[in-house]
Every structure is written in structure tokens, then in C-alpha cells.
């Protein structure tokens, strides 16, 4: 059965048939996560606060928010993310659209994870350690001062991990769209002590 299904998907074109078949055979989502059923409202934009400067709001462990990056700023693009060592190679189309930025204070001896779900558009999640007291957010000239940066460019979401060992650490979490994509998302913060 699985060989027949694989052959059928290959012959018919996975991009068109795959999502339709996955609705009836959920195990196919494991072959390609983009075939998973969309479980998010995409027509109406989720409400989001327009940031005064850079940070939209401060989050804490256990928070869950819904948002839309349309209200964000256009402060960071691929050149910034490369200089901050979030990744070494840019996506095709880059990250030229607006990003929503959240601040998270990770308590000492804590692992924190920001989990992004973005079924509507191809949005990415970034986490940057930023403990500067003078600047709310780094600009291009400050990108090399970012303590550490992680990016997850998985389609339809992803997650990034932040760690605080001996003292509380401040992280900036950005939700940014590939190729300037704008859409709804769900962001959840999970924490565990060690």
C-alpha cells in the first residue's frame, strides 16, 4: 500500500496531490510537514500591537500569544541576521518584511523554548541574547555584539532554545517572514529549570 501511495504521489506531483491525500491519511504529514492540515485562521489578521520602538511586548515563561507580523518594524534583514550569526547562508528572497520582536527574561538555571506555528505564511523565528542596557534592540552596527543567535527556518513554524545558567539573561525573539511574507502566527514560550 505505501509503495503504491508513494508512486501515486510521485506521478501526480506531491505539491498538488500530497496535501489532499494527507487530509485522509494523516501519517503522510510525517513525509512532508507542509501537507499537514492548516489549523489556524488565515483570512482575518490576528491583532498585534505596533511597537513604539522595537519590542512589541515582554513575554514570560508559559505565555502564549497570537499575532500578525504586518504591524512590525523593518529593522532587521538577512545582512543583520548573518552579522549576528543567526545563520551563514540567506534564504532565497531574504527577510525584507516586517518583524515582530518580543523580549523574554530567562530566569537563571532555565531552558526556555519559543515555539512558532505559522500555518498561513512562511514565517521564521529567531532568538538573540541581548543584555545591552543602553539599546532596546541592536541595529546593523551592533549585530556583532549579539551574544548568541538561533534561527529556525522550518516551513510553517519552528522553535528556538534559549539558556540561562548563572544569571538571568535577556533574549529578543523575532518573528520574520521569508521573502517579506506577512501572516498570522501563534508563539508559545515553554520553560524548564535545571
C-alpha atoms as a PDB file:
ATOM      1  CA  UNK A   1       0.000   0.000   0.000  1.00  0.00           C
ATOM      2  CA  UNK A   2       2.716   2.518   0.982  1.00  0.00           C
ATOM      3  CA  UNK A   3       4.729   1.836  -2.200  1.00  0.00           C
ATOM      4  CA  UNK A   4       1.609   2.369  -4.302  1.00  0.00           C
ATOM      5  CA  UNK A   5       0.813   5.620  -2.471  1.00  0.00           C
ATOM      6  CA  UNK A   6       4.395   6.872  -2.819  1.00  0.00           C
ATOM      7  CA  UNK A   7       4.361   6.084  -6.542  1.00  0.00           C
ATOM      8  CA  UNK A   8       0.990   7.838  -6.962  1.00  0.00           C
ATOM      9  CA  UNK A   9       2.224  10.959  -5.166  1.00  0.00           C
ATOM     10  CA  UNK A  10       5.383  10.995  -7.274  1.00  0.00           C
ATOM     11  CA  UNK A  11       3.484  10.641 -10.539  1.00  0.00           C
ATOM     12  CA  UNK A  12       0.747  13.148  -9.707  1.00  0.00           C
ATOM     13  CA  UNK A  13       3.013  15.794  -8.204  1.00  0.00           C
ATOM     14  CA  UNK A  14       3.440  15.975  -4.450  1.00  0.00           C
ATOM     15  CA  UNK A  15       2.769  19.696  -4.308  1.00  0.00           C
ATOM     16  CA  UNK A  16      -0.794  19.338  -5.512  1.00  0.00           C
ATOM     17  CA  UNK A  17      -1.913  15.863  -4.527  1.00  0.00           C
ATOM     18  CA  UNK A  18       0.066  15.429  -1.299  1.00  0.00           C
ATOM     19  CA  UNK A  19      -1.921  17.875   0.875  1.00  0.00           C
ATOM     20  CA  UNK A  20      -5.245  16.486  -0.352  1.00  0.00           C
ATOM     21  CA  UNK A  21      -4.309  12.865   0.339  1.00  0.00           C
ATOM     22  CA  UNK A  22      -2.832  13.793   3.750  1.00  0.00           C
ATOM     23  CA  UNK A  23      -6.271  15.030   4.823  1.00  0.00           C
ATOM     24  CA  UNK A  24      -7.500  11.431   4.630  1.00  0.00           C
ATOM     25  CA  UNK A  25      -4.243   9.657   5.554  1.00  0.00           C
ATOM     26  CA  UNK A  26      -2.683  11.731   8.378  1.00  0.00           C
ATOM     27  CA  UNK A  27       0.514   9.632   8.542  1.00  0.00           C
ATOM     28  CA  UNK A  28       1.596  11.336   5.289  1.00  0.00           C
ATOM     29  CA  UNK A  29       2.215  14.538   7.254  1.00  0.00           C
ATOM     30  CA  UNK A  30       5.393  12.839   8.504  1.00  0.00           C
ATOM     31  CA  UNK A  31       6.725  12.734   4.916  1.00  0.00           C
ATOM     32  CA  UNK A  32       6.240  16.458   4.402  1.00  0.00           C
ATOM     33  CA  UNK A  33       5.086  18.781   7.205  1.00  0.00           C
ATOM     34  CA  UNK A  34       3.726  21.226   4.651  1.00  0.00           C
ATOM     35  CA  UNK A  35       0.992  18.656   3.942  1.00  0.00           C
ATOM     36  CA  UNK A  36      -0.391  18.975   7.484  1.00  0.00           C
ATOM     37  CA  UNK A  37      -3.905  20.325   7.762  1.00  0.00           C
ATOM     38  CA  UNK A  38      -3.986  24.088   8.356  1.00  0.00           C
ATOM     39  CA  UNK A  39      -5.328  24.591  11.846  1.00  0.00           C
ATOM     40  CA  UNK A  40      -5.168  28.393  12.010  1.00  0.00           C
ATOM     41  CA  UNK A  41      -7.421  31.241  10.945  1.00  0.00           C
ATOM     42  CA  UNK A  42      -5.713  32.894   7.984  1.00  0.00           C
ATOM     43  CA  UNK A  43      -8.337  35.199   6.482  1.00  0.00           C
ATOM     44  CA  UNK A  44      -8.591  37.803   9.253  1.00  0.00           C
ATOM     45  CA  UNK A  45      -5.295  39.140  10.681  1.00  0.00           C
ATOM     46  CA  UNK A  46      -4.719  38.426  14.369  1.00  0.00           C
ATOM     47  CA  UNK A  47      -4.494  41.683  16.354  1.00  0.00           C
ATOM     48  CA  UNK A  48      -0.969  42.828  17.159  1.00  0.00           C
ATOM     49  CA  UNK A  49       0.429  45.839  18.993  1.00  0.00           C
ATOM     50  CA  UNK A  50       2.516  48.185  16.890  1.00  0.00           C
ATOM     51  CA  UNK A  51       5.816  48.524  18.733  1.00  0.00           C
ATOM     52  CA  UNK A  52       6.768  52.020  19.936  1.00  0.00           C
ATOM     53  CA  UNK A  53      10.414  51.413  19.129  1.00  0.00           C
ATOM     54  CA  UNK A  54      11.484  47.814  18.594  1.00  0.00           C
ATOM     55  CA  UNK A  55       9.945  45.485  21.177  1.00  0.00           C
ATOM     56  CA  UNK A  56       6.225  44.813  20.871  1.00  0.00           C
ATOM     57  CA  UNK A  57       5.893  43.384  24.379  1.00  0.00           C
ATOM     58  CA  UNK A  58       7.698  41.479  27.112  1.00  0.00           C
ATOM     59  CA  UNK A  59       6.919  37.782  27.477  1.00  0.00           C
ATOM     60  CA  UNK A  60       7.481  35.348  30.338  1.00  0.00           C
ATOM     61  CA  UNK A  61       7.612  31.587  30.712  1.00  0.00           C
ATOM     62  CA  UNK A  62       4.243  29.995  29.940  1.00  0.00           C
ATOM     63  CA  UNK A  63       2.972  32.838  27.749  1.00  0.00           C
ATOM     64  CA  UNK A  64       1.085  32.097  24.534  1.00  0.00           C
ATOM     65  CA  UNK A  65       0.270  34.823  22.045  1.00  0.00           C
ATOM     66  CA  UNK A  66      -1.363  35.134  18.656  1.00  0.00           C
ATOM     67  CA  UNK A  67      -0.154  37.842  16.336  1.00  0.00           C
ATOM     68  CA  UNK A  68       0.447  39.083  12.818  1.00  0.00           C
ATOM     69  CA  UNK A  69       3.815  40.490  11.745  1.00  0.00           C
ATOM     70  CA  UNK A  70       2.187  43.122   9.499  1.00  0.00           C
ATOM     71  CA  UNK A  71       2.339  45.626  12.386  1.00  0.00           C
ATOM     72  CA  UNK A  72       6.081  45.053  12.928  1.00  0.00           C
ATOM     73  CA  UNK A  73       9.091  47.136  12.003  1.00  0.00           C
ATOM     74  CA  UNK A  74      11.554  46.560   9.194  1.00  0.00           C
ATOM     75  CA  UNK A  75      14.719  46.865  11.264  1.00  0.00           C
ATOM     76  CA  UNK A  76      16.359  43.524  10.522  1.00  0.00           C
ATOM     77  CA  UNK A  77      17.072  41.828   7.225  1.00  0.00           C
ATOM     78  CA  UNK A  78      19.367  38.995   6.167  1.00  0.00           C
ATOM     79  CA  UNK A  79      22.540  41.118   6.411  1.00  0.00           C
ATOM     80  CA  UNK A  80      21.755  41.793  10.060  1.00  0.00           C
ATOM     81  CA  UNK A  81      20.922  38.140  10.796  1.00  0.00           C
ATOM     82  CA  UNK A  82      24.190  36.978   9.164  1.00  0.00           C
ATOM     83  CA  UNK A  83      26.274  39.522  11.119  1.00  0.00           C
ATOM     84  CA  UNK A  84      24.553  38.431  14.338  1.00  0.00           C
ATOM     85  CA  UNK A  85      25.489  34.837  13.369  1.00  0.00           C
ATOM     86  CA  UNK A  86      21.872  33.635  13.263  1.00  0.00           C
ATOM     87  CA  UNK A  87      22.731  31.803  10.038  1.00  0.00           C
ATOM     88  CA  UNK A  88      25.513  31.820   7.483  1.00  0.00           C
ATOM     89  CA  UNK A  89      23.506  31.485   4.258  1.00  0.00           C
ATOM     90  CA  UNK A  90      20.418  33.552   3.457  1.00  0.00           C
ATOM     91  CA  UNK A  91      17.106  32.243   2.205  1.00  0.00           C
ATOM     92  CA  UNK A  92      16.118  32.967  -1.338  1.00  0.00           C
ATOM     93  CA  UNK A  93      14.040  36.135  -1.095  1.00  0.00           C
ATOM     94  CA  UNK A  94      15.567  37.083   2.253  1.00  0.00           C
ATOM     95  CA  UNK A  95      13.707  38.557   5.233  1.00  0.00           C
ATOM     96  CA  UNK A  96      12.844  42.016   3.927  1.00  0.00           C
ATOM     97  CA  UNK A  97       9.406  42.204   5.507  1.00  0.00           C
ATOM     98  CA  UNK A  98       8.292  43.448   8.910  1.00  0.00           C
ATOM     99  CA  UNK A  99       9.306  41.568  12.039  1.00  0.00           C
ATOM    100  CA  UNK A 100       7.583  41.437  15.396  1.00  0.00           C
ATOM    101  CA  UNK A 101      10.038  41.452  18.294  1.00  0.00           C
ATOM    102  CA  UNK A 102       9.374  40.248  21.843  1.00  0.00           C
ATOM    103  CA  UNK A 103      11.607  40.411  24.894  1.00  0.00           C
ATOM    104  CA  UNK A 104      11.992  37.397  27.178  1.00  0.00           C
ATOM    105  CA  UNK A 105      13.842  37.412  30.503  1.00  0.00           C
ATOM    106  CA  UNK A 106      15.031  33.846  31.034  1.00  0.00           C
ATOM    107  CA  UNK A 107      15.457  33.137  34.775  1.00  0.00           C
ATOM    108  CA  UNK A 108      18.793  31.673  35.916  1.00  0.00           C
ATOM    109  CA  UNK A 109      19.208  27.911  35.558  1.00  0.00           C
ATOM    110  CA  UNK A 110      16.411  27.721  32.999  1.00  0.00           C
ATOM    111  CA  UNK A 111      15.993  26.340  29.492  1.00  0.00           C
ATOM    112  CA  UNK A 112      13.384  28.261  27.502  1.00  0.00           C
ATOM    113  CA  UNK A 113      11.925  27.434  24.122  1.00  0.00           C
ATOM    114  CA  UNK A 114       9.989  29.732  21.787  1.00  0.00           C
ATOM    115  CA  UNK A 115       7.695  27.629  19.601  1.00  0.00           C
ATOM    116  CA  UNK A 116       6.247  29.263  16.490  1.00  0.00           C
ATOM    117  CA  UNK A 117       3.290  27.978  14.478  1.00  0.00           C
ATOM    118  CA  UNK A 118       2.715  29.856  11.223  1.00  0.00           C
ATOM    119  CA  UNK A 119       0.326  27.863   9.049  1.00  0.00           C
ATOM    120  CA  UNK A 120      -0.748  30.881   6.995  1.00  0.00           C
ATOM    121  CA  UNK A 121       2.594  32.149   5.664  1.00  0.00           C
ATOM    122  CA  UNK A 122       6.243  31.093   5.791  1.00  0.00           C
ATOM    123  CA  UNK A 123       7.406  32.894   8.940  1.00  0.00           C
ATOM    124  CA  UNK A 124      10.636  32.199  10.825  1.00  0.00           C
ATOM    125  CA  UNK A 125      11.557  32.514  14.475  1.00  0.00           C
ATOM    126  CA  UNK A 126      14.832  33.991  15.762  1.00  0.00           C
ATOM    127  CA  UNK A 127      16.210  34.267  19.321  1.00  0.00           C
ATOM    128  CA  UNK A 128      19.077  36.639  20.176  1.00  0.00           C
ATOM    129  CA  UNK A 129      20.711  37.073  23.557  1.00  0.00           C
ATOM    130  CA  UNK A 130      20.796  40.843  24.137  1.00  0.00           C
ATOM    131  CA  UNK A 131      21.726  42.228  27.557  1.00  0.00           C
ATOM    132  CA  UNK A 132      22.631  45.767  26.492  1.00  0.00           C
ATOM    133  CA  UNK A 133      21.124  48.306  28.915  1.00  0.00           C
ATOM    134  CA  UNK A 134      21.503  51.266  26.553  1.00  0.00           C
ATOM    135  CA  UNK A 135      19.776  49.908  23.448  1.00  0.00           C
ATOM    136  CA  UNK A 136      16.379  48.225  23.417  1.00  0.00           C
ATOM    137  CA  UNK A 137      17.342  46.372  20.223  1.00  0.00           C
ATOM    138  CA  UNK A 138      20.536  46.122  18.183  1.00  0.00           C
ATOM    139  CA  UNK A 139      20.884  47.969  14.899  1.00  0.00           C
ATOM    140  CA  UNK A 140      23.040  46.810  11.974  1.00  0.00           C
ATOM    141  CA  UNK A 141      26.180  48.318  13.521  1.00  0.00           C
ATOM    142  CA  UNK A 142      25.562  46.400  16.757  1.00  0.00           C
ATOM    143  CA  UNK A 143      24.841  42.993  15.203  1.00  0.00           C
ATOM    144  CA  UNK A 144      28.278  41.635  16.113  1.00  0.00           C
ATOM    145  CA  UNK A 145      27.509  42.376  19.796  1.00  0.00           C
ATOM    146  CA  UNK A 146      24.599  39.910  19.859  1.00  0.00           C
ATOM    147  CA  UNK A 147      25.622  37.316  22.457  1.00  0.00           C
ATOM    148  CA  UNK A 148      24.199  34.350  20.575  1.00  0.00           C
ATOM    149  CA  UNK A 149      21.548  33.872  17.934  1.00  0.00           C
ATOM    150  CA  UNK A 150      19.451  30.973  16.762  1.00  0.00           C
ATOM    151  CA  UNK A 151      17.107  30.747  13.816  1.00  0.00           C
ATOM    152  CA  UNK A 152      14.606  28.132  12.744  1.00  0.00           C
ATOM    153  CA  UNK A 153      13.592  28.474   9.113  1.00  0.00           C
ATOM    154  CA  UNK A 154      11.309  25.430   9.059  1.00  0.00           C
ATOM    155  CA  UNK A 155       8.176  25.978   6.948  1.00  0.00           C
ATOM    156  CA  UNK A 156       5.012  26.621   8.989  1.00  0.00           C
ATOM    157  CA  UNK A 157       6.888  27.381  12.193  1.00  0.00           C
ATOM    158  CA  UNK A 158       9.760  26.059  14.245  1.00  0.00           C
ATOM    159  CA  UNK A 159      11.404  26.585  17.603  1.00  0.00           C
ATOM    160  CA  UNK A 160      14.491  28.145  19.154  1.00  0.00           C
ATOM    161  CA  UNK A 161      16.078  27.366  22.517  1.00  0.00           C
ATOM    162  CA  UNK A 162      17.435  29.893  24.994  1.00  0.00           C
ATOM    163  CA  UNK A 163      19.515  29.054  28.074  1.00  0.00           C
ATOM    164  CA  UNK A 164      20.363  30.934  31.233  1.00  0.00           C
ATOM    165  CA  UNK A 165      22.898  29.387  33.597  1.00  0.00           C
ATOM    166  CA  UNK A 166      24.284  31.568  36.401  1.00  0.00           C
ATOM    167  CA  UNK A 167      22.252  34.750  35.903  1.00  0.00           C
ATOM    168  CA  UNK A 168      19.068  35.959  34.252  1.00  0.00           C
ATOM    169  CA  UNK A 169      19.513  36.530  30.509  1.00  0.00           C
ATOM    170  CA  UNK A 170      17.531  38.790  28.178  1.00  0.00           C
ATOM    171  CA  UNK A 171      16.573  37.462  24.773  1.00  0.00           C
ATOM    172  CA  UNK A 172      14.876  39.091  21.821  1.00  0.00           C
ATOM    173  CA  UNK A 173      12.539  36.798  19.908  1.00  0.00           C
ATOM    174  CA  UNK A 174      11.724  37.879  16.359  1.00  0.00           C
ATOM    175  CA  UNK A 175       9.010  36.562  14.061  1.00  0.00           C
ATOM    176  CA  UNK A 176      10.007  37.477  10.498  1.00  0.00           C
ATOM    177  CA  UNK A 177       8.684  36.373   7.103  1.00  0.00           C
ATOM    178  CA  UNK A 178      10.689  34.790   4.306  1.00  0.00           C
ATOM    179  CA  UNK A 179      10.579  36.913   1.190  1.00  0.00           C
ATOM    180  CA  UNK A 180       8.659  39.632   3.042  1.00  0.00           C
ATOM    181  CA  UNK A 181       5.804  37.268   3.977  1.00  0.00           C
ATOM    182  CA  UNK A 182       3.154  38.634   6.340  1.00  0.00           C
ATOM    183  CA  UNK A 183       0.696  36.462   8.207  1.00  0.00           C
ATOM    184  CA  UNK A 184      -0.858  35.157  11.397  1.00  0.00           C
ATOM    185  CA  UNK A 185       1.126  33.146  13.913  1.00  0.00           C
ATOM    186  CA  UNK A 186       0.982  31.550  17.325  1.00  0.00           C
ATOM    187  CA  UNK A 187       4.005  31.853  19.650  1.00  0.00           C
ATOM    188  CA  UNK A 188       4.365  29.808  22.837  1.00  0.00           C
ATOM    189  CA  UNK A 189       7.094  30.052  25.495  1.00  0.00           C
ATOM    190  CA  UNK A 190       7.953  26.871  27.389  1.00  0.00           C
ATOM    191  CA  UNK A 191      10.478  26.785  30.239  1.00  0.00           C
ATOM    192  CA  UNK A 192      12.069  24.153  32.430  1.00  0.00           C
ATOM    193  CA  UNK A 193      14.578  24.548  35.220  1.00  0.00           C
ATOM    194  CA  UNK A 194      17.766  22.562  35.679  1.00  0.00           C
END
